[in-house]
Structure formats: structure tokens, C-alpha cells
């Protein structure tokens, strides 16, 4: 999550992990994504000033050009940076978006980790 996404990407470049999930990542660059060697899911936010949707779409294009690396990219609508960890538990839409992201993260690991 967030700044930890950079660490996860660094680990995925050296295949030190079996799979990766980035939730509203920060400090991750296009060049970082080019070097990813393990299946990776990137869950971005529509309203993210740190990693805007345009950058997440660039990540998606790079990963699509690497079929040997499984990937899944999704931009969640109507949420902001940090929506999976810093959401209002009294806001049903915020809870729904966070829970959906958590489920997709777990599903990714179930699919990719042996």
C-alpha cells in the first residue's frame, strides 16, 4: 500500500516474491514497472494526486506488452488515494470500495501464490 508499493515493486524485479499487489501506490515509476518479473495487480484510485489514473494506465500498457508476466490493473471510481486503508466506516460506498479492493487483492494472491 502507498509507499510500500515501491518496496514491493523492487522485490518483484528480483523475483524475491511470487506475486505482487499495489494499492494506491506511490513512488513507482514507468521504468520500475518495465522491470517487474512476477504477476502483479495494481489497484488505483480515480482521484489520486500521487499516482494519477493516467500513470496507472501507462503501467497497464507496459504490463500488457509483457504477456509472460501476469497482470491485472483496475482504477476504482469515486475514491481517493488511500481509500483501502483510510476510509470512513460510516460511508457505505467507501466501505464497499475498500472491501472490493481487499477481495481482489486476496483473490490475486490465491490465484498466483503457490
Protein backbone atom coordinates (compact mmCIF):
# COMPACT_ATOMS: atom_id res chain seq x y z
CA UNK A 1 0.00 0.00 0.00
CA UNK A 2 1.07 3.52 -0.68
CA UNK A 3 4.82 3.99 -0.25
CA UNK A 4 5.21 0.25 0.36
CA UNK A 5 4.30 -0.25 -3.28
CA UNK A 6 7.79 0.86 -4.27
CA UNK A 7 9.30 -1.79 -2.00
CA UNK A 8 7.02 -4.46 -3.44
CA UNK A 9 8.00 -3.48 -6.98
CA UNK A 10 11.68 -3.68 -6.08
CA UNK A 11 11.14 -7.20 -4.71
CA UNK A 12 9.23 -8.18 -7.85
CA UNK A 13 12.11 -7.09 -10.08
CA UNK A 14 14.36 -9.70 -8.49
CA UNK A 15 11.65 -12.38 -8.19
CA UNK A 16 12.03 -12.37 -4.42
CA UNK A 17 8.26 -12.75 -4.13
CA UNK A 18 5.76 -14.87 -6.05
CA UNK A 19 3.18 -12.17 -6.73
CA UNK A 20 2.54 -8.51 -6.00
CA UNK A 21 -0.41 -6.21 -5.38
CA UNK A 22 -0.13 -2.45 -5.32
CA UNK A 23 -2.94 -0.50 -3.68
CA UNK A 24 -2.81 3.24 -4.41
CA UNK A 25 0.98 3.05 -4.91
CA UNK A 26 3.40 5.94 -4.63
CA UNK A 27 6.95 6.47 -5.86
CA UNK A 28 6.53 3.75 -8.52
CA UNK A 29 7.76 4.76 -11.97
CA UNK A 30 7.20 3.55 -15.50
CA UNK A 31 10.77 2.24 -15.51
CA UNK A 32 10.04 0.27 -12.34
CA UNK A 33 7.08 -1.45 -13.96
CA UNK A 34 9.17 -2.34 -17.03
CA UNK A 35 11.38 -4.49 -14.80
CA UNK A 36 8.63 -6.41 -12.96
CA UNK A 37 9.07 -10.18 -13.29
CA UNK A 38 6.23 -11.60 -11.17
CA UNK A 39 2.45 -11.46 -11.54
CA UNK A 40 1.27 -8.05 -10.38
CA UNK A 41 -2.08 -6.41 -9.71
CA UNK A 42 -2.35 -2.64 -9.49
CA UNK A 43 -5.45 -1.15 -7.88
CA UNK A 44 -5.53 2.59 -8.37
CA UNK A 45 -7.85 5.41 -7.36
CA UNK A 46 -9.70 7.70 -9.74
CA UNK A 47 -8.85 10.73 -7.58
CA UNK A 48 -5.20 10.11 -6.77
CA UNK A 49 -2.84 13.06 -6.99
CA UNK A 50 0.20 10.90 -6.13
CA UNK A 51 -0.37 8.21 -8.74
CA UNK A 52 -3.00 9.58 -11.12
CA UNK A 53 -5.05 7.30 -13.37
CA UNK A 54 -3.02 8.38 -16.41
CA UNK A 55 0.10 6.91 -14.80
CA UNK A 56 -1.72 3.73 -13.78
CA UNK A 57 -2.84 3.37 -17.41
CA UNK A 58 0.81 3.65 -18.51
CA UNK A 59 1.63 0.86 -16.08
CA UNK A 60 -1.18 -1.19 -17.63
CA UNK A 61 0.14 -0.64 -21.16
CA UNK A 62 3.63 -1.75 -20.16
CA UNK A 63 2.34 -4.85 -18.42
CA UNK A 64 0.11 -5.71 -21.39
CA UNK A 65 3.24 -5.79 -23.54
CA UNK A 66 4.72 -8.44 -21.21
CA UNK A 67 2.40 -11.46 -21.53
CA UNK A 68 4.85 -13.63 -19.60
CA UNK A 69 4.09 -11.53 -16.52
CA UNK A 70 0.52 -11.91 -15.37
CA UNK A 71 -1.13 -8.62 -14.57
CA UNK A 72 -4.39 -7.04 -13.51
CA UNK A 73 -4.97 -3.30 -13.38
CA UNK A 74 -8.07 -1.52 -12.16
CA UNK A 75 -8.87 2.08 -11.35
CA UNK A 76 -11.59 2.36 -8.73
CA UNK A 77 -14.08 5.16 -9.46
CA UNK A 78 -15.01 7.86 -6.97
CA UNK A 79 -12.21 7.09 -4.49
CA UNK A 80 -9.08 8.94 -3.45
CA UNK A 81 -5.54 7.95 -2.58
CA UNK A 82 -5.57 5.73 0.50
CA UNK A 83 -9.14 4.54 0.04
CA UNK A 84 -8.35 0.96 1.08
CA UNK A 85 -6.95 1.90 4.48
CA UNK A 86 -8.26 5.34 5.41
CA UNK A 87 -11.93 5.16 4.60
CA UNK A 88 -14.95 6.32 6.59
CA UNK A 89 -16.56 3.22 8.08
CA UNK A 90 -19.84 5.14 8.23
CA UNK A 91 -19.86 5.71 4.46
CA UNK A 92 -21.37 2.62 2.78
CA UNK A 93 -19.84 3.46 -0.62
CA UNK A 94 -16.37 3.88 0.88
CA UNK A 95 -16.68 0.59 2.75
CA UNK A 96 -17.90 -1.15 -0.41
CA UNK A 97 -14.94 0.12 -2.47
CA UNK A 98 -12.41 -0.83 0.20
CA UNK A 99 -13.89 -4.30 0.68
CA UNK A 100 -13.96 -4.86 -3.09
CA UNK A 101 -10.27 -3.95 -3.32
CA UNK A 102 -9.41 -6.18 -0.36
CA UNK A 103 -11.24 -9.10 -2.02
CA UNK A 104 -9.50 -8.52 -5.34
CA UNK A 105 -6.14 -8.41 -3.56
CA UNK A 106 -6.81 -11.70 -1.77
CA UNK A 107 -8.14 -13.33 -4.93
CA UNK A 108 -4.97 -12.29 -6.77
CA UNK A 109 -2.76 -13.91 -4.16
CA UNK A 110 -4.88 -17.08 -4.11
CA UNK A 111 -4.51 -17.30 -7.89
CA UNK A 112 -0.81 -16.51 -8.11
CA UNK A 113 0.90 -17.82 -4.99
CA UNK A 114 1.82 -21.48 -4.95
